[in-house]
Amino acid sequence: MKDEEIEQYLEAGRIAARTLHAGAAMVKPGRSVLEVVDGIEAMILETGAEIAFPLNLSFNEDAAHDTASAGDERTFSAGDLIKLDLGVALDGRIADTALSVDLGGHDALVAASAAALDRAIALVRPGVTAGELGGAIQAEIEGRGFLPVANLTGHGLAPYQIHTAPTIPNVGIAGGAVLEEGMAIAIEPFATTGSGRVSDRMRTEIYQQIAVKPVRLPSAKRILNQIRERRGMPFSRRWLPQEKVDLALSTLLKGGVLHGYPVLHDVAGSFVSQAEHTLIVTADGCIVTTHHG
């Protein structure tokens, strides 16, 4: 990786870390979800960077992929556990980072995912396998009395691409990808009081263009024109003109032009915490690009 690329990753990481922590301070009982999501996304754009994916803001047993809808009337309540997961892109170089905001009673669960992240980062260097990182994450979370979410993973990052190889599991596996110098990766442990697996809700607010095909429907064409500048990075339904948006999205999904990301949840009544950093593998370890401090 060239010096200028590393500098872009580092600058994206600085913006992401600042924004994530400023955003976390906005999450308080009674506050509007829509107001907080719009506010955090605006903070990213004010820096001149791009939003790499819509701000993920997921409640309680929901682990990932929720965000505000247009006209969202939800508010935060005491006792909620909120995951904030944000992405910043500078010339396509992405910083992906997350934390959990505890609105009451979840200290140990929040600490579990954060400690698992630290333990995995301490192992990162060329030659280490993704399976070893997963084993460290699993041991840390289970040692604290919780379960890792087995079917969510960390991932590689590439220009304008949020999820590339290697996959970084949150449980121990034999082998897995071998880390190499110059890789950009996001490690994101999830700890849960629930089943340790997530499944899809009916709710989908985040989409991504995965193919280029001709479309006839004018409202579908409008969406494709609007998202062209995203270069394949995910977008939110909330960012689109709302007239005929459901018809347009369903047409594009059926045609294989778009992929939807349903909200992922563990069992009702459970709580999930998340922590995430982006890092670049170096000759003797790694640089954490999204470190706050």
Protein backbone atom coordinates (compact mmCIF):
# COMPACT_ATOMS: atom_id res chain seq x y z
CA MET A 1 0.00 0.00 0.00
CA LYS A 2 1.43 3.40 -1.00
CA ASP A 3 2.05 6.17 1.56
CA GLU A 4 -0.68 8.40 0.10
CA GLU A 5 -3.21 5.54 0.34
CA ILE A 6 -2.28 4.95 3.97
CA GLU A 7 -2.68 8.67 4.67
CA GLN A 8 -6.19 8.60 3.15
CA TYR A 9 -7.11 5.61 5.32
CA LEU A 10 -5.72 7.42 8.38
CA GLU A 11 -7.57 10.66 7.64
CA ALA A 12 -10.83 8.77 6.99
CA GLY A 13 -10.22 7.02 10.32
CA ARG A 14 -9.70 10.29 12.19
CA ILE A 15 -12.94 11.70 10.78
CA ALA A 16 -14.80 8.46 11.59
CA ALA A 17 -13.52 8.31 15.19
CA ARG A 18 -14.39 11.96 15.91
CA THR A 19 -17.83 11.63 14.36
CA LEU A 20 -18.64 8.34 16.10
CA HIS A 21 -17.84 9.74 19.54
CA ALA A 22 -19.65 13.03 18.91
CA GLY A 23 -22.62 11.01 17.62
CA ALA A 24 -22.65 8.72 20.66
CA ALA A 25 -23.05 11.79 22.89
CA MET A 26 -26.27 12.64 20.99
CA VAL A 27 -27.95 9.33 21.91
CA LYS A 28 -30.05 10.12 24.98
CA PRO A 29 -33.49 9.01 26.23
CA GLY A 30 -36.24 11.02 24.51
CA ARG A 31 -34.10 12.08 21.53
CA SER A 32 -35.37 11.42 18.01
CA VAL A 33 -33.66 8.61 16.07
CA LEU A 34 -34.12 10.50 12.79
CA GLU A 35 -32.60 13.68 14.23
CA VAL A 36 -29.54 11.79 15.54
CA VAL A 37 -28.97 9.81 12.32
CA ASP A 38 -29.35 12.89 10.11
CA GLY A 39 -27.06 14.84 12.46
CA ILE A 40 -24.29 12.24 12.44
CA GLU A 41 -24.41 11.81 8.64
CA ALA A 42 -24.30 15.61 8.22
CA MET A 43 -21.16 15.73 10.41
CA ILE A 44 -19.40 13.36 7.98
CA LEU A 45 -20.41 15.39 4.92
CA GLU A 46 -19.30 18.66 6.56
CA THR A 47 -15.70 17.36 6.55
CA GLY A 48 -15.77 16.93 2.75
CA ALA A 49 -15.65 13.13 3.08
CA GLU A 50 -18.32 10.75 1.79
CA ILE A 51 -20.67 8.56 3.80
CA ALA A 52 -19.39 5.03 3.03
CA PHE A 53 -22.72 3.49 4.08
CA PRO A 54 -25.84 4.81 5.84
CA LEU A 55 -25.31 5.19 9.58
CA ASN A 56 -26.35 1.90 11.19
CA LEU A 57 -28.29 2.56 14.37
CA SER A 58 -29.60 -0.69 15.85
CA PHE A 59 -31.62 -1.17 19.05
CA ASN A 60 -31.32 -3.86 21.74
CA GLU A 61 -31.62 -7.34 20.14
CA ASP A 62 -31.04 -5.86 16.65
CA ALA A 63 -27.34 -6.26 15.79
CA ALA A 64 -26.95 -4.41 12.49
CA HIS A 65 -28.40 -2.80 9.35
CA ASP A 66 -31.09 -0.63 10.91
CA THR A 67 -31.11 3.09 10.18
CA ALA A 68 -33.69 5.86 10.34
CA SER A 69 -36.51 5.75 7.80
CA ALA A 70 -37.99 8.90 6.24
CA GLY A 71 -40.38 10.29 8.85
CA ASP A 72 -39.07 7.89 11.53
CA GLU A 73 -40.89 8.62 14.81
CA ARG A 74 -38.81 6.37 17.09
CA THR A 75 -37.07 7.83 20.14
CA PHE A 76 -34.50 6.41 22.55
CA SER A 77 -35.58 5.11 25.97
CA ALA A 78 -33.79 4.44 29.26
CA GLY A 79 -32.49 0.85 29.24
CA ASP A 80 -31.88 0.72 25.48
CA LEU A 81 -28.59 -0.60 24.10
CA ILE A 82 -27.81 1.22 20.85
CA LYS A 83 -25.19 0.18 18.29
CA LEU A 84 -23.76 3.01 16.16
CA ASP A 85 -21.80 1.76 13.14
CA LEU A 86 -20.53 4.35 10.68
CA GLY A 87 -18.38 4.49 7.56
CA VAL A 88 -16.34 7.35 6.11
CA ALA A 89 -14.83 7.29 2.61
CA LEU A 90 -12.05 9.53 1.27
CA ASP A 91 -11.36 8.84 -2.42
CA GLY A 92 -12.93 5.46 -1.74
CA ARG A 93 -10.61 4.61 1.18
CA ILE A 94 -12.98 3.52 3.94
CA ALA A 95 -12.94 3.77 7.72
CA ASP A 96 -15.56 1.51 9.34
CA THR A 97 -16.04 1.82 13.10
CA ALA A 98 -18.69 1.08 15.71
CA LEU A 99 -19.47 1.31 19.40
CA SER A 100 -22.38 0.57 21.71
CA VAL A 101 -24.21 3.28 23.67
CA ASP A 102 -25.59 1.96 26.96
CA LEU A 103 -28.71 3.79 28.13
CA GLY A 104 -28.84 1.67 31.27
CA GLY A 105 -27.76 -1.66 32.69
CA HIS A 106 -25.56 -3.18 29.99
CA ASP A 107 -22.01 -2.30 31.13
CA ALA A 108 -20.70 -5.88 31.19
CA LEU A 109 -22.10 -6.68 27.73
CA VAL A 110 -20.63 -3.49 26.22
CA ALA A 111 -17.27 -4.27 27.83
CA ALA A 112 -17.31 -7.80 26.36
CA SER A 113 -17.37 -6.74 22.69
CA ALA A 114 -14.85 -3.92 23.34
CA ALA A 115 -12.42 -6.26 25.14
CA ALA A 116 -12.80 -8.89 22.40
CA LEU A 117 -11.88 -6.25 19.81
CA ASP A 118 -8.77 -5.22 21.78
CA ARG A 119 -7.73 -8.85 22.19
CA ALA A 120 -8.05 -9.56 18.46
CA ILE A 121 -6.19 -6.36 17.47
CA ALA A 122 -3.29 -7.35 19.77
CA LEU A 123 -2.80 -10.51 17.66
CA VAL A 124 -2.84 -8.84 14.23
CA ARG A 125 0.34 -9.22 12.17
CA PRO A 126 1.28 -10.94 8.90
CA GLY A 127 0.94 -14.72 9.04
CA VAL A 128 -1.82 -14.81 11.66
CA THR A 129 -5.01 -16.52 10.46
CA ALA A 130 -8.52 -15.10 10.61
CA GLY A 131 -9.47 -18.23 12.57
CA GLU A 132 -7.02 -17.30 15.34
CA LEU A 133 -8.62 -13.85 15.62
CA GLY A 134 -12.06 -15.47 15.80
CA GLY A 135 -10.85 -17.79 18.56
CA ALA A 136 -9.57 -14.86 20.62
CA ILE A 137 -12.87 -12.98 20.17
CA GLN A 138 -14.92 -16.04 21.15
CA ALA A 139 -12.78 -16.78 24.23
CA GLU A 140 -13.01 -13.19 25.49
CA ILE A 141 -16.79 -12.93 25.07
CA GLU A 142 -17.59 -16.39 26.43
CA GLY A 143 -15.19 -15.82 29.34
CA ARG A 144 -17.41 -12.91 30.35
CA GLY A 145 -20.59 -14.99 30.28
CA PHE A 146 -21.98 -13.98 26.88
CA LEU A 147 -22.04 -15.47 23.38
CA PRO A 148 -20.36 -14.11 20.24
CA VAL A 149 -22.69 -13.70 17.26
CA ALA A 150 -21.43 -16.57 15.12
CA ASN A 151 -23.01 -15.55 11.80
CA LEU A 152 -21.67 -11.98 11.72
CA THR A 153 -18.07 -11.30 10.71
CA GLY A 154 -15.43 -8.68 10.20
CA HIS A 155 -14.16 -8.13 6.68
CA GLY A 156 -11.61 -6.67 4.33
CA LEU A 157 -11.95 -3.19 2.82
CA ALA A 158 -11.02 -2.03 -0.67
CA PRO A 159 -11.58 1.26 -2.55
CA TYR A 160 -15.36 1.90 -2.63
CA GLN A 161 -15.96 -1.66 -1.34
CA ILE A 162 -17.24 -2.19 2.19
CA HIS A 163 -17.00 -5.99 2.33
CA THR A 164 -14.14 -7.82 0.63
CA ALA A 165 -11.88 -10.73 1.56
CA PRO A 166 -10.69 -11.66 4.12
CA THR A 167 -13.59 -12.65 6.34
CA ILE A 168 -12.78 -12.25 10.06
CA PRO A 169 -15.02 -14.60 12.07
CA ASN A 170 -16.24 -13.88 15.60
CA VAL A 171 -15.77 -17.52 16.60
CA GLY A 172 -12.74 -19.80 16.36
CA ILE A 173 -12.38 -21.74 13.13
CA ALA A 174 -9.57 -23.89 11.76
CA GLY A 175 -7.46 -21.80 9.41
CA GLY A 176 -9.19 -19.05 7.51
CA ALA A 177 -7.47 -16.31 5.53
CA VAL A 178 -3.84 -15.53 6.38
CA LEU A 179 -3.21 -11.85 7.14
CA GLU A 180 -0.73 -10.06 4.86
CA GLU A 181 1.06 -6.74 5.13
CA GLY A 182 -0.94 -3.94 3.48
CA MET A 183 -4.39 -5.48 4.06
CA ALA A 184 -7.09 -3.09 5.29
CA ILE A 185 -9.51 -4.94 7.56
CA ALA A 186 -12.39 -4.21 9.90
CA ILE A 187 -12.71 -6.38 13.02
CA GLU A 188 -16.18 -6.20 14.62
CA PRO A 189 -17.06 -8.47 17.54
CA PHE A 190 -20.71 -8.73 18.57
CA ALA A 191 -21.57 -10.06 22.05
CA THR A 192 -25.10 -11.17 22.91
CA THR A 193 -27.29 -12.31 25.80
CA GLY A 194 -29.36 -14.22 23.22
CA SER A 195 -28.83 -17.22 20.95
CA GLY A 196 -25.55 -16.20 19.30
CA ARG A 197 -27.11 -16.12 15.84
CA VAL A 198 -28.97 -13.38 13.99
CA SER A 199 -31.76 -13.60 11.42
CA ASP A 200 -33.51 -11.18 9.04
CA ARG A 201 -36.34 -8.90 10.07
CA MET A 202 -38.94 -7.76 7.53
CA ARG A 203 -37.56 -4.21 7.81
CA THR A 204 -35.06 -3.14 5.09
CA GLU A 205 -33.78 0.44 4.90
CA ILE A 206 -30.32 -0.07 3.37
CA TYR A 207 -29.62 -1.09 -0.24
CA GLN A 208 -26.67 -1.45 -2.59
CA GLN A 209 -26.37 -1.52 -6.37
CA ILE A 210 -24.87 -4.86 -7.44
CA ALA A 211 -25.46 -4.88 -11.22
CA VAL A 212 -25.93 -2.53 -14.17
CA LYS A 213 -28.98 -3.43 -16.24
CA PRO A 214 -31.45 -1.42 -18.35
CA VAL A 215 -34.67 -0.48 -16.52
CA ARG A 216 -37.90 0.93 -17.98
CA LEU A 217 -39.70 2.27 -14.91
CA PRO A 218 -39.13 6.06 -14.63
CA SER A 219 -39.03 6.00 -10.80
CA ALA A 220 -36.43 3.19 -10.90
CA LYS A 221 -34.34 5.17 -13.42
CA ARG A 222 -34.49 8.17 -11.08
CA ILE A 223 -33.05 6.10 -8.22
CA LEU A 224 -30.23 4.72 -10.37
CA ASN A 225 -29.33 8.24 -11.52
CA GLN A 226 -29.28 9.45 -7.95
CA ILE A 227 -27.07 6.64 -6.61
CA ARG A 228 -24.61 6.52 -9.54
CA GLU A 229 -22.11 8.71 -7.69
CA ARG A 230 -22.08 6.17 -4.80
CA ARG A 231 -19.97 3.84 -7.03
CA GLY A 232 -21.63 0.80 -5.53
CA MET A 233 -21.45 1.93 -1.88
CA PRO A 234 -24.69 1.27 0.07
CA PHE A 235 -27.44 3.90 0.37
CA SER A 236 -30.52 4.52 2.48
CA ARG A 237 -34.15 4.53 1.37
CA ARG A 238 -34.37 7.78 3.40
CA TRP A 239 -31.97 9.51 0.96
CA LEU A 240 -34.27 8.91 -2.04
CA PRO A 241 -37.21 10.95 -3.35
CA GLN A 242 -40.14 9.29 -1.54
CA GLU A 243 -42.61 9.36 -4.46
CA LYS A 244 -43.15 5.76 -5.73
CA VAL A 245 -39.99 4.69 -3.87
CA ASP A 246 -41.39 1.29 -2.78
CA LEU A 247 -42.37 0.32 -6.32
CA ALA A 248 -39.02 1.48 -7.70
CA LEU A 249 -36.99 -0.40 -5.06
CA SER A 250 -38.99 -3.62 -5.43
CA THR A 251 -38.55 -3.47 -9.23
CA LEU A 252 -34.78 -3.01 -8.88
CA LEU A 253 -34.54 -5.80 -6.28
CA LYS A 254 -36.52 -8.24 -8.45
CA GLY A 255 -34.37 -7.31 -11.46
CA GLY A 256 -31.17 -8.13 -9.55
CA VAL A 257 -29.92 -4.55 -9.82
CA LEU A 258 -30.06 -3.88 -6.07
CA HIS A 259 -29.38 -5.96 -2.97
CA GLY A 260 -31.26 -5.18 0.25
CA TYR A 261 -29.80 -5.48 3.75
CA PRO A 262 -32.59 -6.49 6.17
CA VAL A 263 -32.19 -5.57 9.84
CA LEU A 264 -30.44 -8.48 11.62
CA HIS A 265 -31.74 -9.48 15.05
CA ASP A 266 -31.14 -12.01 17.79
CA VAL A 267 -34.08 -13.43 19.79
CA ALA A 268 -36.69 -11.06 21.25
CA GLY A 269 -35.77 -9.70 24.66
CA SER A 270 -32.02 -10.22 24.19
CA PHE A 271 -29.36 -7.52 23.93
CA VAL A 272 -26.43 -7.29 21.50
CA SER A 273 -23.31 -5.11 21.83
CA GLN A 274 -20.80 -4.28 19.07
CA ALA A 275 -17.34 -2.75 18.84
CA GLU A 276 -15.37 -2.18 15.62
CA HIS A 277 -12.14 -0.69 14.34
CA THR A 278 -10.52 -0.48 10.93
CA LEU A 279 -6.84 -1.34 10.74
CA ILE A 280 -4.01 -1.74 8.27
CA VAL A 281 -1.75 -4.76 8.68
CA THR A 282 1.92 -3.67 8.89
CA ALA A 283 5.18 -5.65 8.81
CA ASP A 284 5.22 -6.06 12.59
CA GLY A 285 1.59 -5.54 13.67
CA CYS A 286 -1.05 -3.05 12.61
CA ILE A 287 -2.14 0.59 12.56
CA VAL A 288 -5.63 1.18 13.97
CA THR A 289 -6.99 3.94 11.72
CA THR A 290 -10.17 4.58 13.75
CA HIS A 291 -8.50 4.86 17.17
CA HIS A 292 -10.04 7.70 19.18
CA GLY A 293 -7.76 9.61 21.46
